[in-house]
Amino acid sequence: MNNTTIIFSDEAGQYYKKPNDKQIISDPFYVRSAVYLTTEEYIAFQKDIITLKKKYNLPINEEVKWSDIYELQKKRYRADFLKDYSIDKLKQYITDYISIAHLKQSIKYVFTISGNRYQNTADKEYIIFAHLQNIYQRAQFDATDESNDFYMVIIDDMNETSLNNLRQRCCDLLHNGDRFVDYSNLNQSLLVEKSEQSAGIQIADYAAGIFNSVAKKYILEKNSYDYANRLYSMYIAPKIRRKNKKILGYGIMKITKNMTIPNLNALIEATESYL
């Protein structure tokens, strides 16, 4: 059977080449999500989200970001329409959004993580590329032998210079391959969508934000992020890519290998307990 799968990817946190103490506190991690959906199920998912937005009287061409629920606590509004919604209402909307995705048979999550608490020497553009390379690799690994399975990766928009450089890096990788895979089942160009116009990028935003929150909870032992952890345990962790119930290296990858993230096992063990 031949399948076409779209992989939506978004980021949470910031990466700093040489972070100062303030940056380390505000953004201990940089993570990317990758959300798999077959084209057939994504068509249905888009329709489901339009219905959901109408239920909450949300503008079709607007989005609720994961970060909005934290910004509203500080009375900061990214867009005027958010002034009409309470934090609890937005949380319920996000919960409904993720639960709709959870019902799709093909939904699958992959996460990549880098830590800012440790000496970083790589440029940000390289780190973003390294995260995407790991996502590309897992997609190619998932293609069945001698199949016509096809994967395309779509990311959120970014500034033009960074995007052009990233696209060129990805194009070179996808055409030339690396020492692990040849990427023959992947679209040979990095695709981009504006998040407010994409139901897929929006679920990738929620997934990245939730994963970033639970990373802080378990790796840094923060006694908070209960809402994120509830969504993670119920909807995200059970759908993370894995092999024989193991997720490290399969559904959660540390970028890069020489970057140490002490206590990462606490996050892995918590995730595997939710499978």
Protein backbone atom coordinates (compact mmCIF):
# COMPACT_ATOMS: atom_id res chain seq x y z
CA MET A 1 0.00 0.00 0.00
CA ASN A 2 1.33 3.43 -0.95
CA ASN A 3 0.82 6.35 1.43
CA THR A 4 1.57 10.04 1.28
CA THR A 5 2.32 11.50 4.69
CA ILE A 6 2.74 15.14 5.65
CA ILE A 7 5.09 15.94 8.53
CA PHE A 8 4.44 19.31 10.15
CA SER A 9 7.27 20.76 12.23
CA ASP A 10 7.48 23.74 14.57
CA GLU A 11 9.81 24.92 17.31
CA ALA A 12 9.61 25.99 20.94
CA GLY A 13 12.19 27.77 23.03
CA GLN A 14 15.24 29.50 21.61
CA TYR A 15 18.75 28.31 20.79
CA TYR A 16 21.71 30.52 21.68
CA LYS A 17 25.26 29.91 20.50
CA LYS A 18 26.76 31.41 23.67
CA PRO A 19 23.86 31.96 26.07
CA ASN A 20 24.11 34.25 29.07
CA ASP A 21 22.54 33.40 32.43
CA LYS A 22 19.31 35.25 31.65
CA GLN A 23 18.88 33.38 28.35
CA ILE A 24 19.59 30.04 30.01
CA ILE A 25 16.88 30.70 32.59
CA SER A 26 14.28 31.91 30.08
CA ASP A 27 15.02 29.25 27.44
CA PRO A 28 16.77 26.19 28.88
CA PHE A 29 15.86 24.15 25.79
CA TYR A 30 15.32 24.44 22.06
CA VAL A 31 12.95 21.77 20.74
CA ARG A 32 11.27 20.86 17.48
CA SER A 33 8.17 18.78 16.96
CA ALA A 34 7.32 16.65 13.95
CA VAL A 35 3.68 15.63 13.54
CA TYR A 36 2.81 12.90 11.02
CA LEU A 37 -0.57 12.72 9.27
CA THR A 38 -1.50 10.94 6.04
CA THR A 39 -2.95 13.23 3.39
CA GLU A 40 -6.29 11.45 3.60
CA GLU A 41 -6.57 12.06 7.34
CA TYR A 42 -5.20 15.59 7.07
CA ILE A 43 -8.04 16.52 4.72
CA ALA A 44 -10.50 15.36 7.39
CA PHE A 45 -8.47 17.07 10.14
CA GLN A 46 -8.64 20.45 8.38
CA LYS A 47 -12.42 20.17 8.19
CA ASP A 48 -12.60 19.18 11.86
CA ILE A 49 -10.59 22.25 12.88
CA ILE A 50 -12.79 24.61 10.87
CA THR A 51 -15.78 23.19 12.74
CA LEU A 52 -13.93 23.58 16.05
CA LYS A 53 -13.05 27.22 15.36
CA LYS A 54 -16.68 27.98 14.54
CA LYS A 55 -17.73 26.35 17.83
CA TYR A 56 -15.43 28.73 19.74
CA ASN A 57 -16.24 31.73 17.49
CA LEU A 58 -12.60 32.02 16.50
CA PRO A 59 -11.62 33.73 13.23
CA ILE A 60 -10.84 31.07 10.62
CA ASN A 61 -7.71 32.94 9.49
CA GLU A 62 -6.33 33.36 13.03
CA GLU A 63 -4.63 30.94 15.40
CA VAL A 64 -4.32 30.34 19.11
CA LYS A 65 -0.67 29.72 19.92
CA TRP A 66 0.57 27.63 22.82
CA SER A 67 2.41 30.68 24.16
CA ASP A 68 -0.84 32.67 24.29
CA ILE A 69 -2.00 30.91 27.45
CA TYR A 70 1.13 32.12 29.25
CA GLU A 71 1.06 35.61 27.75
CA LEU A 72 -2.55 36.10 28.83
CA GLN A 73 -1.51 35.46 32.43
CA LYS A 74 0.59 38.63 32.10
CA LYS A 75 -2.24 40.53 30.37
CA ARG A 76 -0.30 40.53 27.11
CA TYR A 77 -2.31 39.96 23.94
CA ARG A 78 -0.62 38.90 20.71
CA ALA A 79 -3.79 39.72 18.75
CA ASP A 80 -6.93 41.73 19.57
CA PHE A 81 -9.32 38.78 19.22
CA LEU A 82 -7.62 37.09 22.19
CA LYS A 83 -9.03 39.77 24.52
CA ASP A 84 -12.43 38.06 24.18
CA TYR A 85 -11.18 34.77 25.64
CA SER A 86 -10.24 33.67 29.14
CA ILE A 87 -7.22 31.48 29.80
CA ASP A 88 -9.53 28.59 30.72
CA LYS A 89 -11.41 28.98 27.43
CA LEU A 90 -8.18 28.90 25.42
CA LYS A 91 -6.98 25.86 27.35
CA GLN A 92 -10.21 24.05 26.56
CA TYR A 93 -9.87 24.98 22.88
CA ILE A 94 -6.29 23.64 22.77
CA THR A 95 -7.37 20.47 24.57
CA ASP A 96 -10.16 19.93 22.04
CA TYR A 97 -7.75 20.61 19.17
CA ILE A 98 -5.24 18.03 20.40
CA SER A 99 -7.93 15.47 21.19
CA ILE A 100 -9.22 15.73 17.61
CA ALA A 101 -5.71 15.04 16.32
CA HIS A 102 -5.38 12.14 18.76
CA LEU A 103 -8.30 10.37 17.09
CA LYS A 104 -6.54 10.24 13.72
CA GLN A 105 -5.10 6.78 13.14
CA SER A 106 -1.96 8.02 11.39
CA ILE A 107 -1.00 10.68 13.95
CA LYS A 108 2.53 10.25 15.23
CA TYR A 109 4.95 12.56 17.05
CA VAL A 110 8.72 12.94 16.93
CA PHE A 111 10.67 15.43 19.08
CA THR A 112 14.22 16.77 18.95
CA ILE A 113 15.83 18.67 21.83
CA SER A 114 18.95 20.77 22.46
CA GLY A 115 20.00 22.29 25.79
CA ASN A 116 21.14 25.88 26.35
CA ARG A 117 22.57 25.20 29.81
CA TYR A 118 25.76 23.79 28.36
CA GLN A 119 28.51 25.27 26.20
CA ASN A 120 27.10 25.71 22.72
CA THR A 121 29.44 26.33 19.80
CA ALA A 122 27.27 25.69 16.73
CA ASP A 123 25.43 28.44 14.86
CA LYS A 124 21.65 28.53 15.22
CA GLU A 125 21.08 27.83 11.51
CA TYR A 126 23.15 24.65 11.79
CA ILE A 127 21.26 23.51 14.90
CA ILE A 128 17.89 24.00 13.19
CA PHE A 129 19.19 22.03 10.20
CA ALA A 130 20.47 19.26 12.51
CA HIS A 131 17.04 19.00 14.11
CA LEU A 132 15.38 18.74 10.70
CA GLN A 133 17.96 16.21 9.48
CA ASN A 134 17.00 13.90 12.35
CA ILE A 135 13.33 14.34 11.48
CA TYR A 136 14.07 13.56 7.83
CA GLN A 137 16.02 10.46 8.83
CA ARG A 138 13.16 9.04 10.90
CA ALA A 139 10.74 9.64 8.04
CA GLN A 140 12.98 7.74 5.62
CA PHE A 141 13.42 4.93 8.15
CA ASP A 142 9.62 4.65 8.31
CA ALA A 143 9.29 4.13 4.56
CA THR A 144 8.72 0.44 3.93
CA ASP A 145 11.30 -1.39 1.83
CA GLU A 146 10.81 -1.00 -1.93
CA SER A 147 7.65 1.03 -1.34
CA ASN A 148 6.30 4.17 -2.92
CA ASP A 149 5.56 5.74 0.47
CA PHE A 150 6.10 9.48 0.18
CA TYR A 151 6.84 12.01 2.93
CA MET A 152 6.89 15.79 2.78
CA VAL A 153 8.08 18.04 5.61
CA ILE A 154 6.42 21.43 6.18
CA ILE A 155 7.73 23.98 8.68
CA ASP A 156 6.48 27.30 10.00
CA ASP A 157 7.60 30.40 8.14
CA MET A 158 10.75 32.24 9.26
CA ASN A 159 12.80 35.24 8.15
CA GLU A 160 13.75 35.14 4.49
CA THR A 161 17.55 34.92 4.84
CA SER A 162 17.46 32.09 7.39
CA LEU A 163 14.80 30.27 5.37
CA ASN A 164 16.78 30.46 2.12
CA ASN A 165 19.92 29.14 3.83
CA LEU A 166 17.98 26.35 5.53
CA ARG A 167 16.27 25.36 2.29
CA GLN A 168 19.62 25.11 0.52
CA ARG A 169 21.07 22.92 3.28
CA CYS A 170 18.01 20.67 3.21
CA CYS A 171 18.03 20.49 -0.59
CA ASP A 172 21.69 19.39 -0.58
CA LEU A 173 20.94 16.76 2.08
CA LEU A 174 17.86 15.39 0.34
CA HIS A 175 19.59 15.15 -3.04
CA ASN A 176 22.92 13.77 -1.83
CA GLY A 177 21.87 11.75 1.22
CA ASP A 178 24.10 11.13 4.23
CA ARG A 179 25.92 8.13 5.70
CA PHE A 180 22.67 6.73 7.09
CA VAL A 181 19.98 7.11 4.39
CA ASP A 182 19.43 8.26 0.82
CA TYR A 183 16.09 10.09 1.35
CA SER A 184 14.57 8.55 -1.77
CA ASN A 185 11.05 8.59 -0.28
CA LEU A 186 11.06 12.25 0.74
CA ASN A 187 10.03 15.38 -1.08
CA GLN A 188 13.28 16.95 -2.28
CA SER A 189 12.46 20.46 -1.06
CA LEU A 190 11.64 21.93 2.35
CA LEU A 191 8.09 23.29 2.34
CA VAL A 192 6.81 26.26 4.34
CA GLU A 193 3.37 27.39 5.51
CA LYS A 194 2.15 30.34 7.53
CA SER A 195 0.99 29.00 10.87
CA GLU A 196 -2.28 30.95 10.99
CA GLN A 197 -3.28 29.34 7.69
CA SER A 198 -2.26 25.78 8.56
CA ALA A 199 -4.06 23.37 10.87
CA GLY A 200 -0.97 21.15 10.70
CA ILE A 201 1.50 23.82 11.81
CA GLN A 202 -0.85 24.73 14.65
CA ILE A 203 -0.87 21.16 16.04
CA ALA A 204 2.94 21.15 15.64
CA ASP A 205 3.07 24.38 17.68
CA TYR A 206 1.04 22.80 20.48
CA ALA A 207 3.15 19.64 20.42
CA ALA A 208 6.41 21.61 20.58
CA GLY A 209 5.13 23.86 23.36
CA ILE A 210 3.87 20.92 25.41
CA PHE A 211 7.11 18.99 24.97
CA ASN A 212 9.18 22.04 25.94
CA SER A 213 7.08 22.40 29.09
CA VAL A 214 7.37 18.77 30.17
CA ALA A 215 11.12 18.88 29.46
CA LYS A 216 11.35 21.67 32.04
CA LYS A 217 9.15 19.71 34.42
CA TYR A 218 11.13 16.47 34.34
CA ILE A 219 14.67 17.46 33.36
CA LEU A 220 14.81 20.57 35.55
CA GLU A 221 12.47 19.12 38.20
CA LYS A 222 10.04 22.04 38.08
CA ASN A 223 6.90 21.56 40.17
CA SER A 224 4.65 23.14 37.58
CA TYR A 225 3.40 22.67 34.01
CA ASP A 226 0.56 20.44 35.17
CA TYR A 227 -1.70 21.39 32.24
CA ALA A 228 1.04 20.59 29.71
CA ASN A 229 1.85 17.33 31.47
CA ARG A 230 -1.80 16.27 31.43
CA LEU A 231 -2.02 16.83 27.67
CA TYR A 232 1.32 15.10 27.17
CA SER A 233 0.38 12.01 29.15
CA MET A 234 -3.10 11.67 27.60
CA TYR A 235 -2.60 12.65 23.97
CA ILE A 236 1.05 13.10 22.98
CA ALA A 237 3.21 10.46 24.68
CA PRO A 238 1.02 7.50 23.61
CA LYS A 239 1.52 8.55 19.97
CA ILE A 240 5.28 9.16 20.05
CA ARG A 241 7.30 7.14 17.53
CA ARG A 242 8.96 4.19 19.26
CA LYS A 243 10.39 0.71 18.84
CA ASN A 244 9.66 -2.04 21.36
CA LYS A 245 8.32 0.66 23.71
CA LYS A 246 11.65 2.50 23.58
CA ILE A 247 11.56 6.12 22.47
CA LEU A 248 15.09 7.52 22.94
CA GLY A 249 16.61 7.66 19.47
CA TYR A 250 13.26 6.78 17.88
CA GLY A 251 10.75 9.42 18.96
CA ILE A 252 12.92 11.70 21.10
CA MET A 253 16.39 12.67 19.87
CA LYS A 254 19.08 14.79 21.52
CA ILE A 255 20.72 17.28 19.13
CA THR A 256 23.68 17.15 18.89
CA LYS A 257 25.24 13.98 20.28
CA ASN A 258 28.10 15.84 21.98
CA MET A 259 25.66 18.15 23.79
CA THR A 260 25.01 16.90 27.31
CA ILE A 261 21.53 17.13 28.84
CA PRO A 262 21.79 15.81 32.41
CA ASN A 263 18.63 14.15 33.71
CA LEU A 264 17.26 13.56 30.20
CA ASN A 265 16.44 10.04 31.35
CA ALA A 266 13.84 11.47 33.75
CA LEU A 267 11.89 12.76 30.75
CA ILE A 268 12.36 9.50 28.85
CA GLU A 269 11.21 7.38 31.80
CA ALA A 270 8.16 9.56 32.38
CA THR A 271 7.25 9.38 28.69
CA GLU A 272 7.64 5.60 28.51
CA SER A 273 5.41 5.25 31.58
CA TYR A 274 2.60 6.89 29.58
CA LEU A 275 2.81 4.48 26.62
